[in-house]
PDB file of all heavy atoms in Angstrom:
ATOM      1  N   GLN A   1       1.634 -26.468   3.694  1.00  0.00           N
ATOM      2  CA  GLN A   1       2.670 -27.075   2.859  1.00  0.00           C
ATOM      3  C   GLN A   1       2.114 -28.261   2.054  1.00  0.00           C
ATOM      4  O   GLN A   1       1.218 -28.953   2.558  1.00  0.00           O
ATOM      5  CB  GLN A   1       3.831 -27.577   3.715  1.00  0.00           C
ATOM      6  CG  GLN A   1       4.640 -26.440   4.377  1.00  0.00           C
ATOM      7  CD  GLN A   1       5.391 -25.590   3.417  1.00  0.00           C
ATOM      8  OE1 GLN A   1       5.753 -26.027   2.313  1.00  0.00           O
ATOM      9  NE2 GLN A   1       5.673 -24.320   3.794  1.00  0.00           N
ATOM     10  N   THR A   2       2.601 -28.460   0.883  1.00  0.00           N
ATOM     11  CA  THR A   2       2.205 -29.614   0.069  1.00  0.00           C
ATOM     12  C   THR A   2       3.329 -29.945  -0.924  1.00  0.00           C
ATOM     13  O   THR A   2       4.088 -29.044  -1.331  1.00  0.00           O
ATOM     14  CB  THR A   2       0.889 -29.329  -0.690  1.00  0.00           C
ATOM     15  OG1 THR A   2       0.528 -30.492  -1.475  1.00  0.00           O
ATOM     16  CG2 THR A   2       1.023 -28.144  -1.620  1.00  0.00           C
ATOM     17  N   GLN A   3       3.384 -31.183  -1.339  1.00  0.00           N
ATOM     18  CA  GLN A   3       4.329 -31.621  -2.367  1.00  0.00           C
ATOM     19  C   GLN A   3       3.669 -31.653  -3.738  1.00  0.00           C
ATOM     20  O   GLN A   3       4.315 -31.924  -4.754  1.00  0.00           O
ATOM     21  CB  GLN A   3       4.906 -33.007  -1.998  1.00  0.00           C
ATOM     22  CG  GLN A   3       5.627 -33.066  -0.709  1.00  0.00           C
ATOM     23  CD  GLN A   3       6.865 -32.141  -0.694  1.00  0.00           C
ATOM     24  OE1 GLN A   3       7.602 -32.078  -1.645  1.00  0.00           O
ATOM     25  NE2 GLN A   3       7.021 -31.431   0.391  1.00  0.00           N
ATOM     26  N   VAL A   4       2.347 -31.434  -3.740  1.00  0.00           N
ATOM     27  CA  VAL A   4       1.560 -31.563  -4.974  1.00  0.00           C
ATOM     28  C   VAL A   4       1.617 -30.247  -5.782  1.00  0.00           C
ATOM     29  O   VAL A   4       1.639 -29.134  -5.210  1.00  0.00           O
ATOM     30  CB  VAL A   4       0.069 -31.864  -4.644  1.00  0.00           C
ATOM     31  CG1 VAL A   4      -0.743 -31.962  -5.899  1.00  0.00           C
ATOM     32  CG2 VAL A   4      -0.009 -33.120  -3.784  1.00  0.00           C
ATOM     33  N   LYS A   5       1.638 -30.369  -7.091  1.00  0.00           N
ATOM     34  CA  LYS A   5       1.578 -29.218  -8.002  1.00  0.00           C
ATOM     35  C   LYS A   5       0.138 -29.143  -8.554  1.00  0.00           C
ATOM     36  O   LYS A   5      -0.388 -30.155  -9.072  1.00  0.00           O
ATOM     37  CB  LYS A   5       2.557 -29.359  -9.157  1.00  0.00           C
ATOM     38  CG  LYS A   5       4.013 -29.455  -8.735  1.00  0.00           C
ATOM     39  CD  LYS A   5       4.558 -28.130  -8.273  1.00  0.00           C
ATOM     40  CE  LYS A   5       6.073 -28.214  -8.027  1.00  0.00           C
ATOM     41  NZ  LYS A   5       6.681 -26.923  -7.624  1.00  0.00           N
ATOM     42  N   PHE A   6      -0.472 -28.004  -8.492  1.00  0.00           N
ATOM     43  CA  PHE A   6      -1.832 -27.824  -8.911  1.00  0.00           C
ATOM     44  C   PHE A   6      -1.958 -27.020 -10.206  1.00  0.00           C
ATOM     45  O   PHE A   6      -1.191 -26.095 -10.414  1.00  0.00           O
ATOM     46  CB  PHE A   6      -2.674 -27.121  -7.817  1.00  0.00           C
ATOM     47  CG  PHE A   6      -2.818 -27.945  -6.566  1.00  0.00           C
ATOM     48  CD1 PHE A   6      -1.847 -27.885  -5.567  1.00  0.00           C
ATOM     49  CD2 PHE A   6      -3.906 -28.779  -6.390  1.00  0.00           C
ATOM     50  CE1 PHE A   6      -1.984 -28.640  -4.417  1.00  0.00           C
ATOM     51  CE2 PHE A   6      -4.046 -29.508  -5.245  1.00  0.00           C
ATOM     52  CZ  PHE A   6      -3.069 -29.472  -4.237  1.00  0.00           C
ATOM     53  N   ASN A   7      -2.919 -27.383 -11.046  1.00  0.00           N
ATOM     54  CA  ASN A   7      -3.145 -26.646 -12.290  1.00  0.00           C
ATOM     55  C   ASN A   7      -3.822 -25.292 -12.049  1.00  0.00           C
ATOM     56  O   ASN A   7      -3.557 -24.306 -12.769  1.00  0.00           O
ATOM     57  CB  ASN A   7      -3.984 -27.440 -13.257  1.00  0.00           C
ATOM     58  CG  ASN A   7      -3.394 -28.782 -13.586  1.00  0.00           C
ATOM     59  OD1 ASN A   7      -3.964 -29.825 -13.355  1.00  0.00           O
ATOM     60  ND2 ASN A   7      -2.207 -28.754 -14.219  1.00  0.00           N
ATOM     61  N   ILE A   8      -4.690 -25.241 -11.011  1.00  0.00           N
ATOM     62  CA  ILE A   8      -5.380 -24.022 -10.695  1.00  0.00           C
ATOM     63  C   ILE A   8      -5.354 -23.797  -9.177  1.00  0.00           C
ATOM     64  O   ILE A   8      -5.717 -24.681  -8.410  1.00  0.00           O
ATOM     65  CB  ILE A   8      -6.856 -24.055 -11.157  1.00  0.00           C
ATOM     66  CG1 ILE A   8      -6.961 -24.212 -12.680  1.00  0.00           C
ATOM     67  CG2 ILE A   8      -7.578 -22.760 -10.714  1.00  0.00           C
ATOM     68  CD1 ILE A   8      -8.401 -24.341 -13.173  1.00  0.00           C
ATOM     69  N   ILE A   9      -4.896 -22.601  -8.752  1.00  0.00           N
ATOM     70  CA  ILE A   9      -4.938 -22.255  -7.350  1.00  0.00           C
ATOM     71  C   ILE A   9      -5.866 -21.051  -7.220  1.00  0.00           C
ATOM     72  O   ILE A   9      -5.757 -20.075  -7.943  1.00  0.00           O
ATOM     73  CB  ILE A   9      -3.523 -21.893  -6.839  1.00  0.00           C
ATOM     74  CG1 ILE A   9      -2.594 -23.125  -6.906  1.00  0.00           C
ATOM     75  CG2 ILE A   9      -3.606 -21.351  -5.392  1.00  0.00           C
ATOM     76  CD1 ILE A   9      -1.167 -22.836  -6.424  1.00  0.00           C
ATOM     77  N   ILE A  10      -6.809 -21.153  -6.311  1.00  0.00           N
ATOM     78  CA  ILE A  10      -7.859 -20.174  -6.141  1.00  0.00           C
ATOM     79  C   ILE A  10      -7.779 -19.477  -4.749  1.00  0.00           C
ATOM     80  O   ILE A  10      -7.671 -20.156  -3.746  1.00  0.00           O
ATOM     81  CB  ILE A  10      -9.248 -20.787  -6.306  1.00  0.00           C
ATOM     82  CG1 ILE A  10      -9.356 -21.528  -7.639  1.00  0.00           C
ATOM     83  CG2 ILE A  10     -10.338 -19.730  -6.192  1.00  0.00           C
ATOM     84  CD1 ILE A  10     -10.560 -22.430  -7.711  1.00  0.00           C
ATOM     85  N   PHE A  11      -7.780 -18.137  -4.779  1.00  0.00           N
ATOM     86  CA  PHE A  11      -7.910 -17.381  -3.543  1.00  0.00           C
ATOM     87  C   PHE A  11      -9.231 -16.628  -3.648  1.00  0.00           C
ATOM     88  O   PHE A  11      -9.248 -15.483  -4.128  1.00  0.00           O
ATOM     89  CB  PHE A  11      -6.745 -16.395  -3.421  1.00  0.00           C
ATOM     90  CG  PHE A  11      -5.405 -17.029  -3.263  1.00  0.00           C
ATOM     91  CD1 PHE A  11      -4.611 -17.307  -4.353  1.00  0.00           C
ATOM     92  CD2 PHE A  11      -4.873 -17.315  -1.993  1.00  0.00           C
ATOM     93  CE1 PHE A  11      -3.350 -17.885  -4.227  1.00  0.00           C
ATOM     94  CE2 PHE A  11      -3.637 -17.924  -1.840  1.00  0.00           C
ATOM     95  CZ  PHE A  11      -2.874 -18.182  -2.969  1.00  0.00           C
ATOM     96  N   CYS A  12     -10.303 -17.219  -3.201  1.00  0.00           N
ATOM     97  CA  CYS A  12     -11.621 -16.632  -3.317  1.00  0.00           C
ATOM     98  C   CYS A  12     -11.948 -15.889  -2.016  1.00  0.00           C
ATOM     99  O   CYS A  12     -12.212 -16.569  -0.997  1.00  0.00           O
ATOM    100  CB  CYS A  12     -12.679 -17.693  -3.609  1.00  0.00           C
ATOM    101  SG  CYS A  12     -14.334 -17.027  -3.882  1.00  0.00           S
ATOM    102  N   GLU A  13     -11.853 -14.575  -2.017  1.00  0.00           N
ATOM    103  CA  GLU A  13     -12.164 -13.746  -0.866  1.00  0.00           C
ATOM    104  C   GLU A  13     -11.307 -14.102   0.339  1.00  0.00           C
ATOM    105  O   GLU A  13     -11.816 -14.147   1.488  1.00  0.00           O
ATOM    106  CB  GLU A  13     -13.657 -13.914  -0.499  1.00  0.00           C
ATOM    107  CG  GLU A  13     -14.586 -13.628  -1.640  1.00  0.00           C
ATOM    108  CD  GLU A  13     -14.464 -12.219  -2.185  1.00  0.00           C
ATOM    109  OE1 GLU A  13     -14.765 -11.232  -1.446  1.00  0.00           O
ATOM    110  OE2 GLU A  13     -13.993 -12.079  -3.348  1.00  0.00           O
ATOM    111  N   SER A  14     -10.033 -14.382   0.134  1.00  0.00           N
ATOM    112  CA  SER A  14      -9.160 -14.760   1.243  1.00  0.00           C
ATOM    113  C   SER A  14      -7.945 -13.884   1.364  1.00  0.00           C
ATOM    114  O   SER A  14      -7.444 -13.657   2.511  1.00  0.00           O
ATOM    115  CB  SER A  14      -8.748 -16.237   1.112  1.00  0.00           C
ATOM    116  OG  SER A  14      -8.163 -16.474  -0.160  1.00  0.00           O
ATOM    117  N   LEU A  15      -7.387 -13.341   0.283  1.00  0.00           N
ATOM    118  CA  LEU A  15      -6.138 -12.610   0.398  1.00  0.00           C
ATOM    119  C   LEU A  15      -6.219 -11.344   1.159  1.00  0.00           C
ATOM    120  O   LEU A  15      -5.262 -10.905   1.769  1.00  0.00           O
ATOM    121  CB  LEU A  15      -5.607 -12.327  -1.022  1.00  0.00           C
ATOM    122  CG  LEU A  15      -4.952 -13.516  -1.769  1.00  0.00           C
ATOM    123  CD1 LEU A  15      -4.566 -13.125  -3.171  1.00  0.00           C
ATOM    124  CD2 LEU A  15      -3.767 -14.064  -1.004  1.00  0.00           C
ATOM    125  N   TYR A  16      -7.369 -10.667   1.126  1.00  0.00           N
ATOM    126  CA  TYR A  16      -7.428  -9.377   1.837  1.00  0.00           C
ATOM    127  C   TYR A  16      -7.498  -9.543   3.351  1.00  0.00           C
ATOM    128  O   TYR A  16      -7.520  -8.553   4.097  1.00  0.00           O
ATOM    129  CB  TYR A  16      -8.590  -8.501   1.329  1.00  0.00           C
ATOM    130  CG  TYR A  16      -9.945  -9.104   1.242  1.00  0.00           C
ATOM    131  CD1 TYR A  16     -10.656  -9.416   2.401  1.00  0.00           C
ATOM    132  CD2 TYR A  16     -10.578  -9.338   0.033  1.00  0.00           C
ATOM    133  CE1 TYR A  16     -11.936  -9.980   2.340  1.00  0.00           C
ATOM    134  CE2 TYR A  16     -11.839  -9.895  -0.046  1.00  0.00           C
ATOM    135  CZ  TYR A  16     -12.514 -10.199   1.108  1.00  0.00           C
ATOM    136  OH  TYR A  16     -13.800 -10.722   1.070  1.00  0.00           O
ATOM    137  N   TYR A  17      -7.520 -10.784   3.836  1.00  0.00           N
ATOM    138  CA  TYR A  17      -7.454 -10.993   5.291  1.00  0.00           C
ATOM    139  C   TYR A  17      -6.033 -11.020   5.794  1.00  0.00           C
ATOM    140  O   TYR A  17      -5.795 -11.120   6.984  1.00  0.00           O
ATOM    141  CB  TYR A  17      -8.147 -12.298   5.648  1.00  0.00           C
ATOM    142  CG  TYR A  17      -9.660 -12.193   5.606  1.00  0.00           C
ATOM    143  CD1 TYR A  17     -10.398 -12.855   4.629  1.00  0.00           C
ATOM    144  CD2 TYR A  17     -10.382 -11.444   6.535  1.00  0.00           C
ATOM    145  CE1 TYR A  17     -11.765 -12.775   4.563  1.00  0.00           C
ATOM    146  CE2 TYR A  17     -11.749 -11.346   6.476  1.00  0.00           C
ATOM    147  CZ  TYR A  17     -12.448 -12.004   5.501  1.00  0.00           C
ATOM    148  OH  TYR A  17     -13.817 -11.938   5.467  1.00  0.00           O
ATOM    149  N   LEU A  18      -5.072 -10.980   4.878  1.00  0.00           N
ATOM    150  CA  LEU A  18      -3.666 -10.977   5.298  1.00  0.00           C
ATOM    151  C   LEU A  18      -3.400  -9.675   6.070  1.00  0.00           C
ATOM    152  O   LEU A  18      -3.961  -8.615   5.784  1.00  0.00           O
ATOM    153  CB  LEU A  18      -2.739 -11.047   4.095  1.00  0.00           C
ATOM    154  CG  LEU A  18      -2.781 -12.408   3.350  1.00  0.00           C
ATOM    155  CD1 LEU A  18      -1.959 -12.323   2.055  1.00  0.00           C
ATOM    156  CD2 LEU A  18      -2.262 -13.542   4.203  1.00  0.00           C
ATOM    157  N   ARG A  19      -2.542  -9.776   7.059  1.00  0.00           N
ATOM    158  CA  ARG A  19      -2.342  -8.676   8.016  1.00  0.00           C
ATOM    159  C   ARG A  19      -1.738  -7.449   7.343  1.00  0.00           C
ATOM    160  O   ARG A  19      -2.069  -6.283   7.644  1.00  0.00           O
ATOM    161  CB  ARG A  19      -1.452  -9.122   9.166  1.00  0.00           C
ATOM    162  CG  ARG A  19      -1.296  -8.070  10.258  1.00  0.00           C
ATOM    163  CD  ARG A  19      -0.539  -8.643  11.427  1.00  0.00           C
ATOM    164  NE  ARG A  19      -0.391  -7.667  12.491  1.00  0.00           N
ATOM    165  CZ  ARG A  19       0.643  -6.818  12.588  1.00  0.00           C
ATOM    166  NH1 ARG A  19       1.587  -6.847  11.644  1.00  0.00           N
ATOM    167  NH2 ARG A  19       0.729  -5.925  13.563  1.00  0.00           N
ATOM    168  N   ASP A  20      -0.777  -7.642   6.425  1.00  0.00           N
ATOM    169  CA  ASP A  20      -0.136  -6.492   5.766  1.00  0.00           C
ATOM    170  C   ASP A  20       0.251  -6.889   4.345  1.00  0.00           C
ATOM    171  O   ASP A  20       0.229  -8.047   3.954  1.00  0.00           O
ATOM    172  CB  ASP A  20       1.077  -5.988   6.553  1.00  0.00           C
ATOM    173  CG  ASP A  20       2.110  -7.083   6.819  1.00  0.00           C
ATOM    174  OD1 ASP A  20       2.604  -7.655   5.834  1.00  0.00           O
ATOM    175  OD2 ASP A  20       2.409  -7.348   8.004  1.00  0.00           O
ATOM    176  N   ASP A  21       0.677  -5.862   3.559  1.00  0.00           N
ATOM    177  CA  ASP A  21       1.005  -6.058   2.164  1.00  0.00           C
ATOM    178  C   ASP A  21       2.190  -6.952   1.966  1.00  0.00           C
ATOM    179  O   ASP A  21       2.316  -7.627   0.936  1.00  0.00           O
ATOM    180  CB  ASP A  21       1.227  -4.694   1.493  1.00  0.00           C
ATOM    181  CG  ASP A  21      -0.033  -3.825   1.483  1.00  0.00           C
ATOM    182  OD1 ASP A  21      -1.123  -4.390   1.702  1.00  0.00           O
ATOM    183  OD2 ASP A  21       0.102  -2.598   1.276  1.00  0.00           O
ATOM    184  N   ASN A  22       3.124  -6.999   2.923  1.00  0.00           N
ATOM    185  CA  ASN A  22       4.294  -7.835   2.766  1.00  0.00           C
ATOM    186  C   ASN A  22       3.918  -9.328   2.749  1.00  0.00           C
ATOM    187  O   ASN A  22       4.594 -10.134   2.101  1.00  0.00           O
ATOM    188  CB  ASN A  22       5.282  -7.583   3.920  1.00  0.00           C
ATOM    189  CG  ASN A  22       5.932  -6.236   3.840  1.00  0.00           C
ATOM    190  OD1 ASN A  22       6.127  -5.678   2.743  1.00  0.00           O
ATOM    191  ND2 ASN A  22       6.281  -5.663   4.950  1.00  0.00           N
ATOM    192  N   GLN A  23       2.843  -9.665   3.449  1.00  0.00           N
ATOM    193  CA  GLN A  23       2.398 -11.032   3.416  1.00  0.00           C
ATOM    194  C   GLN A  23       1.879 -11.476   2.043  1.00  0.00           C
ATOM    195  O   GLN A  23       1.906 -12.654   1.705  1.00  0.00           O
ATOM    196  CB  GLN A  23       1.302 -11.244   4.504  1.00  0.00           C
ATOM    197  CG  GLN A  23       1.854 -11.234   5.940  1.00  0.00           C
ATOM    198  CD  GLN A  23       0.853 -11.585   6.949  1.00  0.00           C
ATOM    199  OE1 GLN A  23      -0.357 -11.320   6.786  1.00  0.00           O
ATOM    200  NE2 GLN A  23       1.259 -12.208   8.039  1.00  0.00           N
ATOM    201  N   ILE A  24       1.422 -10.515   1.275  1.00  0.00           N
ATOM    202  CA  ILE A  24       0.982 -10.831  -0.083  1.00  0.00           C
ATOM    203  C   ILE A  24       2.179 -11.356  -0.905  1.00  0.00           C
ATOM    204  O   ILE A  24       2.084 -12.342  -1.619  1.00  0.00           O
ATOM    205  CB  ILE A  24       0.349  -9.628  -0.799  1.00  0.00           C
ATOM    206  CG1 ILE A  24      -0.868  -9.125  -0.006  1.00  0.00           C
ATOM    207  CG2 ILE A  24      -0.060  -9.966  -2.236  1.00  0.00           C
ATOM    208  CD1 ILE A  24      -1.425  -7.808  -0.522  1.00  0.00           C
ATOM    209  N   ASP A  25       3.325 -10.677  -0.759  1.00  0.00           N
ATOM    210  CA  ASP A  25       4.548 -11.130  -1.445  1.00  0.00           C
ATOM    211  C   ASP A  25       4.982 -12.506  -1.010  1.00  0.00           C
ATOM    212  O   ASP A  25       5.388 -13.323  -1.811  1.00  0.00           O
ATOM    213  CB  ASP A  25       5.685 -10.098  -1.160  1.00  0.00           C
ATOM    214  CG  ASP A  25       5.412  -8.743  -1.752  1.00  0.00           C
ATOM    215  OD1 ASP A  25       4.927  -8.655  -2.878  1.00  0.00           O
ATOM    216  OD2 ASP A  25       5.684  -7.734  -1.059  1.00  0.00           O
ATOM    217  N   ILE A  26       4.816 -12.766   0.284  1.00  0.00           N
ATOM    218  CA  ILE A  26       5.162 -14.079   0.832  1.00  0.00           C
ATOM    219  C   ILE A  26       4.270 -15.159   0.227  1.00  0.00           C
ATOM    220  O   ILE A  26       4.731 -16.226  -0.201  1.00  0.00           O
ATOM    221  CB  ILE A  26       5.053 -14.104   2.378  1.00  0.00           C
ATOM    222  CG1 ILE A  26       6.115 -13.163   3.001  1.00  0.00           C
ATOM    223  CG2 ILE A  26       5.203 -15.520   2.911  1.00  0.00           C
ATOM    224  CD1 ILE A  26       5.941 -12.966   4.451  1.00  0.00           C
TER     225      ILE A  26
END
């Protein structure tokens, strides 16, 4: 969690570790 707004958010080789596709939507 954060209150900060970022100009660029990077997911470098991290999203495919999510357990299932529904977590991508989350």
